[in-house]
Amino acid sequence: MSKKRQIEPIPDEFANAHEAAEFWDTHDTTDYPGTFRTVRVVAELRNRHYEIPIDADVIKTLEARARKMGVPLGRLASDLLRRQLRISA
């Protein structure tokens, strides 16, 4: 005869996100049928991020110029690339 395992109840509240994460790291949501509800999420991506290799000396110069201009590094890099691509088109 198999013994049914004991399912620990979900705490009414967690003290913090870390405590909640620890609980769910050791518990299976499928053990709590009817506890969760399906939600519809609609999201719109505003920006896409790409990873490209850039030589260390180039990134240092780019970072210094972005700091001096007071603009985010990514914006400066995009603007410089956009200008260069217009020139070479």
PDB file of N, CA and C in Angstrom:
ATOM      1  N   MET A   1       0.833  -1.161   0.000  1.00  0.00           N
ATOM      2  CA  MET A   1       0.000   0.000   0.000  1.00  0.00           C
ATOM      3  C   MET A   1       0.896   1.247   0.000  1.00  0.00           C
ATOM      4  N   SER A   2       0.622   2.180  -0.948  1.00  0.00           N
ATOM      5  CA  SER A   2       1.461   3.380  -1.010  1.00  0.00           C
ATOM      6  C   SER A   2       0.920   4.446  -0.073  1.00  0.00           C
ATOM      7  N   LYS A   3       1.836   5.138   0.526  1.00  0.00           N
ATOM      8  CA  LYS A   3       1.484   6.191   1.475  1.00  0.00           C
ATOM      9  C   LYS A   3       1.424   7.516   0.717  1.00  0.00           C
ATOM     10  N   LYS A   4       0.324   8.259   0.857  1.00  0.00           N
ATOM     11  CA  LYS A   4       0.180   9.545   0.195  1.00  0.00           C
ATOM     12  C   LYS A   4       1.083  10.560   0.890  1.00  0.00           C
ATOM     13  N   ARG A   5       1.837  11.311   0.086  1.00  0.00           N
ATOM     14  CA  ARG A   5       2.750  12.281   0.687  1.00  0.00           C
ATOM     15  C   ARG A   5       1.993  13.498   1.181  1.00  0.00           C
ATOM     16  N   GLN A   6       2.525  14.103   2.203  1.00  0.00           N
ATOM     17  CA  GLN A   6       1.922  15.273   2.839  1.00  0.00           C
ATOM     18  C   GLN A   6       2.265  16.517   2.025  1.00  0.00           C
ATOM     19  N   ILE A   7       1.269  17.309   1.651  1.00  0.00           N
ATOM     20  CA  ILE A   7       1.479  18.562   0.924  1.00  0.00           C
ATOM     21  C   ILE A   7       1.420  19.709   1.931  1.00  0.00           C
ATOM     22  N   GLU A   8       2.523  20.436   2.011  1.00  0.00           N
ATOM     23  CA  GLU A   8       2.608  21.576   2.929  1.00  0.00           C
ATOM     24  C   GLU A   8       1.749  22.720   2.400  1.00  0.00           C
ATOM     25  N   PRO A   9       0.954  23.368   3.223  1.00  0.00           N
ATOM     26  CA  PRO A   9       0.139  24.481   2.742  1.00  0.00           C
ATOM     27  C   PRO A   9       0.997  25.676   2.340  1.00  0.00           C
ATOM     28  N   ILE A  10       0.481  26.444   1.406  1.00  0.00           N
ATOM     29  CA  ILE A  10       1.163  27.672   0.984  1.00  0.00           C
ATOM     30  C   ILE A  10       0.971  28.702   2.095  1.00  0.00           C
ATOM     31  N   PRO A  11       2.037  29.345   2.542  1.00  0.00           N
ATOM     32  CA  PRO A  11       1.885  30.380   3.580  1.00  0.00           C
ATOM     33  C   PRO A  11       0.954  31.496   3.111  1.00  0.00           C
ATOM     34  N   ASP A  12       0.211  32.085   4.031  1.00  0.00           N
ATOM     35  CA  ASP A  12      -0.666  33.206   3.692  1.00  0.00           C
ATOM     36  C   ASP A  12       0.142  34.384   3.152  1.00  0.00           C
ATOM     37  N   GLU A  13       1.332  34.557   3.703  1.00  0.00           N
ATOM     38  CA  GLU A  13       2.221  35.639   3.266  1.00  0.00           C
ATOM     39  C   GLU A  13       3.666  35.184   3.362  1.00  0.00           C
ATOM     40  N   PHE A  14       4.493  35.758   2.501  1.00  0.00           N
ATOM     41  CA  PHE A  14       5.933  35.546   2.587  1.00  0.00           C
ATOM     42  C   PHE A  14       6.541  36.842   3.082  1.00  0.00           C
ATOM     43  N   ALA A  15       7.581  36.743   3.885  1.00  0.00           N
ATOM     44  CA  ALA A  15       8.220  37.938   4.443  1.00  0.00           C
ATOM     45  C   ALA A  15       8.861  38.785   3.348  1.00  0.00           C
ATOM     46  N   ASN A  16       9.363  38.108   2.307  1.00  0.00           N
ATOM     47  CA  ASN A  16      10.023  38.814   1.213  1.00  0.00           C
ATOM     48  C   ASN A  16      10.098  37.907  -0.006  1.00  0.00           C
ATOM     49  N   ALA A  17      10.598  38.418  -1.103  1.00  0.00           N
ATOM     50  CA  ALA A  17      10.692  37.653  -2.346  1.00  0.00           C
ATOM     51  C   ALA A  17      11.629  36.456  -2.192  1.00  0.00           C
ATOM     52  N   HIS A  18      12.686  36.623  -1.416  1.00  0.00           N
ATOM     53  CA  HIS A  18      13.637  35.531  -1.200  1.00  0.00           C
ATOM     54  C   HIS A  18      12.945  34.345  -0.524  1.00  0.00           C
ATOM     55  N   GLU A  19      12.127  34.628   0.478  1.00  0.00           N
ATOM     56  CA  GLU A  19      11.414  33.566   1.182  1.00  0.00           C
ATOM     57  C   GLU A  19      10.437  32.858   0.234  1.00  0.00           C
ATOM     58  N   ALA A  20       9.753  33.613  -0.601  1.00  0.00           N
ATOM     59  CA  ALA A  20       8.829  33.020  -1.578  1.00  0.00           C
ATOM     60  C   ALA A  20       9.593  32.155  -2.567  1.00  0.00           C
ATOM     61  N   ALA A  21      10.735  32.634  -3.018  1.00  0.00           N
ATOM     62  CA  ALA A  21      11.544  31.871  -3.963  1.00  0.00           C
ATOM     63  C   ALA A  21      12.015  30.563  -3.343  1.00  0.00           C
ATOM     64  N   GLU A  22      12.438  30.607  -2.092  1.00  0.00           N
ATOM     65  CA  GLU A  22      12.877  29.384  -1.412  1.00  0.00           C
ATOM     66  C   GLU A  22      11.737  28.379  -1.300  1.00  0.00           C
ATOM     67  N   PHE A  23      10.536  28.857  -1.002  1.00  0.00           N
ATOM     68  CA  PHE A  23       9.384  27.968  -0.900  1.00  0.00           C
ATOM     69  C   PHE A  23       9.130  27.289  -2.240  1.00  0.00           C
ATOM     70  N   TRP A  24       9.064  28.076  -3.314  1.00  0.00           N
ATOM     71  CA  TRP A  24       8.734  27.498  -4.621  1.00  0.00           C
ATOM     72  C   TRP A  24       9.892  26.706  -5.222  1.00  0.00           C
ATOM     73  N   ASP A  25      11.103  26.926  -4.755  1.00  0.00           N
ATOM     74  CA  ASP A  25      12.230  26.089  -5.190  1.00  0.00           C
ATOM     75  C   ASP A  25      12.091  24.668  -4.664  1.00  0.00           C
ATOM     76  N   THR A  26      11.336  24.494  -3.584  1.00  0.00           N
ATOM     77  CA  THR A  26      11.221  23.175  -2.954  1.00  0.00           C
ATOM     78  C   THR A  26       9.803  22.607  -3.021  1.00  0.00           C
ATOM     79  N   HIS A  27       8.904  23.297  -3.716  1.00  0.00           N
ATOM     80  CA  HIS A  27       7.527  22.834  -3.841  1.00  0.00           C
ATOM     81  C   HIS A  27       7.104  22.856  -5.304  1.00  0.00           C
ATOM     82  N   ASP A  28       6.151  22.004  -5.648  1.00  0.00           N
ATOM     83  CA  ASP A  28       5.679  21.865  -7.024  1.00  0.00           C
ATOM     84  C   ASP A  28       4.299  22.504  -7.142  1.00  0.00           C
ATOM     85  N   THR A  29       4.155  23.454  -8.052  1.00  0.00           N
ATOM     86  CA  THR A  29       2.870  24.140  -8.208  1.00  0.00           C
ATOM     87  C   THR A  29       1.750  23.174  -8.599  1.00  0.00           C
ATOM     88  N   THR A  30       2.091  22.055  -9.224  1.00  0.00           N
ATOM     89  CA  THR A  30       1.047  21.090  -9.608  1.00  0.00           C
ATOM     90  C   THR A  30       0.456  20.373  -8.398  1.00  0.00           C
ATOM     91  N   ASP A  31       1.082  20.509  -7.244  1.00  0.00           N
ATOM     92  CA  ASP A  31       0.528  19.950  -6.007  1.00  0.00           C
ATOM     93  C   ASP A  31      -0.581  20.830  -5.440  1.00  0.00           C
ATOM     94  N   TYR A  32      -0.812  21.990  -6.047  1.00  0.00           N
ATOM     95  CA  TYR A  32      -1.785  22.948  -5.532  1.00  0.00           C
ATOM     96  C   TYR A  32      -2.826  23.292  -6.603  1.00  0.00           C
ATOM     97  N   PRO A  33      -3.571  22.284  -7.086  1.00  0.00           N
ATOM     98  CA  PRO A  33      -4.559  22.559  -8.138  1.00  0.00           C
ATOM     99  C   PRO A  33      -5.632  23.523  -7.625  1.00  0.00           C
ATOM    100  N   GLY A  34      -6.061  24.397  -8.498  1.00  0.00           N
ATOM    101  CA  GLY A  34      -7.098  25.357  -8.134  1.00  0.00           C
ATOM    102  C   GLY A  34      -6.586  26.578  -7.403  1.00  0.00           C
ATOM    103  N   THR A  35      -5.317  26.601  -7.076  1.00  0.00           N
ATOM    104  CA  THR A  35      -4.743  27.728  -6.338  1.00  0.00           C
ATOM    105  C   THR A  35      -4.405  28.894  -7.258  1.00  0.00           C
ATOM    106  N   PHE A  36      -4.012  28.578  -8.469  1.00  0.00           N
ATOM    107  CA  PHE A  36      -3.553  29.596  -9.399  1.00  0.00           C
ATOM    108  C   PHE A  36      -4.595  29.854 -10.469  1.00  0.00           C
ATOM    109  N   ARG A  37      -4.550  31.039 -11.032  1.00  0.00           N
ATOM    110  CA  ARG A  37      -5.467  31.362 -12.121  1.00  0.00           C
ATOM    111  C   ARG A  37      -4.656  31.807 -13.328  1.00  0.00           C
ATOM    112  N   THR A  38      -5.219  31.588 -14.481  1.00  0.00           N
ATOM    113  CA  THR A  38      -4.582  31.997 -15.720  1.00  0.00           C
ATOM    114  C   THR A  38      -4.816  33.484 -15.917  1.00  0.00           C
ATOM    115  N   VAL A  39      -3.785  34.181 -16.294  1.00  0.00           N
ATOM    116  CA  VAL A  39      -3.910  35.613 -16.570  1.00  0.00           C
ATOM    117  C   VAL A  39      -3.461  35.877 -17.999  1.00  0.00           C
ATOM    118  N   ARG A  40      -4.074  36.854 -18.598  1.00  0.00           N
ATOM    119  CA  ARG A  40      -3.702  37.241 -19.958  1.00  0.00           C
ATOM    120  C   ARG A  40      -2.734  38.416 -19.849  1.00  0.00           C
ATOM    121  N   VAL A  41      -1.615  38.302 -20.516  1.00  0.00           N
ATOM    122  CA  VAL A  41      -0.608  39.353 -20.494  1.00  0.00           C
ATOM    123  C   VAL A  41      -0.391  39.834 -21.916  1.00  0.00           C
ATOM    124  N   VAL A  42      -0.504  41.125 -22.092  1.00  0.00           N
ATOM    125  CA  VAL A  42      -0.234  41.730 -23.393  1.00  0.00           C
ATOM    126  C   VAL A  42       0.978  42.634 -23.206  1.00  0.00           C
ATOM    127  N   ALA A  43       1.995  42.392 -23.984  1.00  0.00           N
ATOM    128  CA  ALA A  43       3.214  43.187 -23.868  1.00  0.00           C
ATOM    129  C   ALA A  43       3.639  43.677 -25.240  1.00  0.00           C
ATOM    130  N   GLU A  44       4.204  44.835 -25.254  1.00  0.00           N
ATOM    131  CA  GLU A  44       4.708  45.390 -26.492  1.00  0.00           C
ATOM    132  C   GLU A  44       6.190  45.686 -26.301  1.00  0.00           C
ATOM    133  N   LEU A  45       7.014  45.096 -27.152  1.00  0.00           N
ATOM    134  CA  LEU A  45       8.451  45.355 -27.062  1.00  0.00           C
ATOM    135  C   LEU A  45       8.737  46.740 -27.614  1.00  0.00           C
ATOM    136  N   ARG A  46       9.419  47.520 -26.846  1.00  0.00           N
ATOM    137  CA  ARG A  46       9.737  48.875 -27.286  1.00  0.00           C
ATOM    138  C   ARG A  46      11.107  48.930 -27.939  1.00  0.00           C
ATOM    139  N   ASN A  47      12.063  48.266 -27.353  1.00  0.00           N
ATOM    140  CA  ASN A  47      13.425  48.271 -27.882  1.00  0.00           C
ATOM    141  C   ASN A  47      13.933  46.844 -27.957  1.00  0.00           C
ATOM    142  N   ARG A  48      14.762  46.617 -28.908  1.00  0.00           N
ATOM    143  CA  ARG A  48      15.447  45.332 -28.983  1.00  0.00           C
ATOM    144  C   ARG A  48      16.909  45.589 -28.653  1.00  0.00           C
ATOM    145  N   HIS A  49      17.509  44.638 -28.006  1.00  0.00           N
ATOM    146  CA  HIS A  49      18.911  44.768 -27.617  1.00  0.00           C
ATOM    147  C   HIS A  49      19.708  43.684 -28.331  1.00  0.00           C
ATOM    148  N   TYR A  50      20.853  44.053 -28.827  1.00  0.00           N
ATOM    149  CA  TYR A  50      21.712  43.133 -29.558  1.00  0.00           C
ATOM    150  C   TYR A  50      23.084  43.110 -28.905  1.00  0.00           C
ATOM    151  N   GLU A  51      23.720  41.976 -28.989  1.00  0.00           N
ATOM    152  CA  GLU A  51      25.058  41.845 -28.438  1.00  0.00           C
ATOM    153  C   GLU A  51      26.030  41.673 -29.596  1.00  0.00           C
ATOM    154  N   ILE A  52      26.985  42.585 -29.681  1.00  0.00           N
ATOM    155  CA  ILE A  52      28.006  42.495 -30.719  1.00  0.00           C
ATOM    156  C   ILE A  52      29.375  42.696 -30.071  1.00  0.00           C
ATOM    157  N   PRO A  53      30.370  41.993 -30.578  1.00  0.00           N
ATOM    158  CA  PRO A  53      31.709  42.194 -30.010  1.00  0.00           C
ATOM    159  C   PRO A  53      32.277  43.546 -30.460  1.00  0.00           C
ATOM    160  N   ILE A  54      32.852  44.266 -29.504  1.00  0.00           N
ATOM    161  CA  ILE A  54      33.486  45.560 -29.788  1.00  0.00           C
ATOM    162  C   ILE A  54      34.857  45.535 -29.121  1.00  0.00           C
ATOM    163  N   ASP A  55      35.866  45.955 -29.855  1.00  0.00           N
ATOM    164  CA  ASP A  55      37.215  45.982 -29.305  1.00  0.00           C
ATOM    165  C   ASP A  55      37.268  46.849 -28.053  1.00  0.00           C
ATOM    166  N   ALA A  56      38.111  46.447 -27.101  1.00  0.00           N
ATOM    167  CA  ALA A  56      38.205  47.116 -25.804  1.00  0.00           C
ATOM    168  C   ALA A  56      38.553  48.588 -25.939  1.00  0.00           C
ATOM    169  N   ASP A  57      39.472  48.932 -26.847  1.00  0.00           N
ATOM    170  CA  ASP A  57      39.863  50.334 -26.990  1.00  0.00           C
ATOM    171  C   ASP A  57      38.711  51.170 -27.544  1.00  0.00           C
ATOM    172  N   VAL A  58      37.907  50.574 -28.405  1.00  0.00           N
ATOM    173  CA  VAL A  58      36.775  51.290 -28.985  1.00  0.00           C
ATOM    174  C   VAL A  58      35.714  51.535 -27.919  1.00  0.00           C
ATOM    175  N   ILE A  59      35.422  50.536 -27.113  1.00  0.00           N
ATOM    176  CA  ILE A  59      34.381  50.697 -26.081  1.00  0.00           C
ATOM    177  C   ILE A  59      34.810  51.723 -25.034  1.00  0.00           C
ATOM    178  N   LYS A  60      36.094  51.744 -24.691  1.00  0.00           N
ATOM    179  CA  LYS A  60      36.570  52.746 -23.720  1.00  0.00           C
ATOM    180  C   LYS A  60      36.378  54.161 -24.254  1.00  0.00           C
ATOM    181  N   THR A  61      36.709  54.359 -25.519  1.00  0.00           N
ATOM    182  CA  THR A  61      36.528  55.668 -26.145  1.00  0.00           C
ATOM    183  C   THR A  61      35.047  56.030 -26.221  1.00  0.00           C
ATOM    184  N   LEU A  62      34.235  55.067 -26.580  1.00  0.00           N
ATOM    185  CA  LEU A  62      32.794  55.281 -26.677  1.00  0.00           C
ATOM    186  C   LEU A  62      32.191  55.623 -25.315  1.00  0.00           C
ATOM    187  N   GLU A  63      32.608  54.905 -24.281  1.00  0.00           N
ATOM    188  CA  GLU A  63      32.117  55.182 -22.919  1.00  0.00           C
ATOM    189  C   GLU A  63      32.509  56.580 -22.469  1.00  0.00           C
ATOM    190  N   ALA A  64      33.757  56.950 -22.732  1.00  0.00           N
ATOM    191  CA  ALA A  64      34.233  58.282 -22.337  1.00  0.00           C
ATOM    192  C   ALA A  64      33.448  59.373 -23.054  1.00  0.00           C
ATOM    193  N   ARG A  65      33.201  59.187 -24.337  1.00  0.00           N
ATOM    194  CA  ARG A  65      32.464  60.195 -25.094  1.00  0.00           C
ATOM    195  C   ARG A  65      31.011  60.276 -24.614  1.00  0.00           C
ATOM    196  N   ALA A  66      30.390  59.131 -24.323  1.00  0.00           N
ATOM    197  CA  ALA A  66      29.004  59.122 -23.834  1.00  0.00           C
ATOM    198  C   ALA A  66      28.915  59.862 -22.496  1.00  0.00           C
ATOM    199  N   ARG A  67      29.879  59.612 -21.607  1.00  0.00           N
ATOM    200  CA  ARG A  67      29.908  60.316 -20.313  1.00  0.00           C
ATOM    201  C   ARG A  67      30.034  61.822 -20.522  1.00  0.00           C
ATOM    202  N   LYS A  68      30.966  62.206 -21.394  1.00  0.00           N
ATOM    203  CA  LYS A  68      31.211  63.631 -21.661  1.00  0.00           C
ATOM    204  C   LYS A  68      29.961  64.302 -22.232  1.00  0.00           C
ATOM    205  N   MET A  69      29.232  63.589 -23.090  1.00  0.00           N
ATOM    206  CA  MET A  69      28.039  64.148 -23.722  1.00  0.00           C
ATOM    207  C   MET A  69      26.796  64.008 -22.830  1.00  0.00           C
ATOM    208  N   GLY A  70      26.899  63.174 -21.796  1.00  0.00           N
ATOM    209  CA  GLY A  70      25.770  62.977 -20.902  1.00  0.00           C
ATOM    210  C   GLY A  70      24.641  62.169 -21.522  1.00  0.00           C
ATOM    211  N   VAL A  71      25.016  61.221 -22.381  1.00  0.00           N
ATOM    212  CA  VAL A  71      24.004  60.371 -23.027  1.00  0.00           C
ATOM    213  C   VAL A  71      24.296  58.909 -22.710  1.00  0.00           C
ATOM    214  N   PRO A  72      23.284  58.054 -22.774  1.00  0.00           N
ATOM    215  CA  PRO A  72      23.529  56.625 -22.555  1.00  0.00           C
ATOM    216  C   PRO A  72      24.430  56.049 -23.644  1.00  0.00           C
ATOM    217  N   LEU A  73      25.248  55.114 -23.259  1.00  0.00           N
ATOM    218  CA  LEU A  73      26.189  54.482 -24.179  1.00  0.00           C
ATOM    219  C   LEU A  73      25.488  53.903 -25.403  1.00  0.00           C
ATOM    220  N   GLY A  74      24.404  53.196 -25.182  1.00  0.00           N
ATOM    221  CA  GLY A  74      23.680  52.569 -26.292  1.00  0.00           C
ATOM    222  C   GLY A  74      23.156  53.574 -27.295  1.00  0.00           C
ATOM    223  N   ARG A  75      22.651  54.696 -26.779  1.00  0.00           N
ATOM    224  CA  ARG A  75      22.130  55.729 -27.688  1.00  0.00           C
ATOM    225  C   ARG A  75      23.256  56.309 -28.531  1.00  0.00           C
ATOM    226  N   LEU A  76      24.399  56.597 -27.908  1.00  0.00           N
ATOM    227  CA  LEU A  76      25.530  57.142 -28.660  1.00  0.00           C
ATOM    228  C   LEU A  76      25.992  56.145 -29.719  1.00  0.00           C
ATOM    229  N   ALA A  77      26.109  54.881 -29.349  1.00  0.00           N
ATOM    230  CA  ALA A  77      26.554  53.865 -30.299  1.00  0.00           C
ATOM    231  C   ALA A  77      25.575  53.764 -31.471  1.00  0.00           C
ATOM    232  N   SER A  78      24.282  53.753 -31.183  1.00  0.00           N
ATOM    233  CA  SER A  78      23.277  53.676 -32.250  1.00  0.00           C
ATOM    234  C   SER A  78      23.351  54.888 -33.170  1.00  0.00           C
ATOM    235  N   ASP A  79      23.485  56.079 -32.577  1.00  0.00           N
ATOM    236  CA  ASP A  79      23.560  57.298 -33.386  1.00  0.00           C
ATOM    237  C   ASP A  79      24.791  57.288 -34.294  1.00  0.00           C
ATOM    238  N   LEU A  80      25.934  56.888 -33.747  1.00  0.00           N
ATOM    239  CA  LEU A  80      27.160  56.846 -34.553  1.00  0.00           C
ATOM    240  C   LEU A  80      27.041  55.824 -35.681  1.00  0.00           C
ATOM    241  N   LEU A  81      26.503  54.668 -35.376  1.00  0.00           N
ATOM    242  CA  LEU A  81      26.327  53.642 -36.414  1.00  0.00           C
ATOM    243  C   LEU A  81      25.335  54.107 -37.479  1.00  0.00           C
ATOM    244  N   ARG A  82      24.249  54.720 -37.049  1.00  0.00           N
ATOM    245  CA  ARG A  82      23.238  55.220 -37.988  1.00  0.00           C
ATOM    246  C   ARG A  82      23.862  56.243 -38.937  1.00  0.00           C
ATOM    247  N   ARG A  83      24.626  57.193 -38.384  1.00  0.00           N
ATOM    248  CA  ARG A  83      25.287  58.197 -39.224  1.00  0.00           C
ATOM    249  C   ARG A  83      26.250  57.557 -40.217  1.00  0.00           C
ATOM    250  N   GLN A  84      27.051  56.633 -39.734  1.00  0.00           N
ATOM    251  CA  GLN A  84      28.033  55.984 -40.602  1.00  0.00           C
ATOM    252  C   GLN A  84      27.349  55.178 -41.708  1.00  0.00           C
ATOM    253  N   LEU A  85      26.245  54.527 -41.378  1.00  0.00           N
ATOM    254  CA  LEU A  85      25.528  53.743 -42.382  1.00  0.00           C
ATOM    255  C   LEU A  85      24.888  54.658 -43.446  1.00  0.00           C
ATOM    256  N   ARG A  86      24.417  55.845 -43.043  1.00  0.00           N
ATOM    257  CA  ARG A  86      23.865  56.811 -44.008  1.00  0.00           C
ATOM    258  C   ARG A  86      24.957  57.294 -44.964  1.00  0.00           C
ATOM    259  N   ILE A  87      26.133  57.559 -44.410  1.00  0.00           N
ATOM    260  CA  ILE A  87      27.252  58.055 -45.213  1.00  0.00           C
ATOM    261  C   ILE A  87      27.680  57.007 -46.244  1.00  0.00           C
ATOM    262  N   SER A  88      27.716  55.747 -45.810  1.00  0.00           N
ATOM    263  CA  SER A  88      28.227  54.702 -46.715  1.00  0.00           C
ATOM    264  C   SER A  88      27.149  54.119 -47.632  1.00  0.00           C
ATOM    265  N   ALA A  89      25.911  54.573 -47.498  1.00  0.00           N
ATOM    266  CA  ALA A  89      24.830  54.022 -48.333  1.00  0.00           C
ATOM    267  C   ALA A  89      24.822  54.598 -49.731  1.00  0.00           C
TER     268      ALA A  89
END
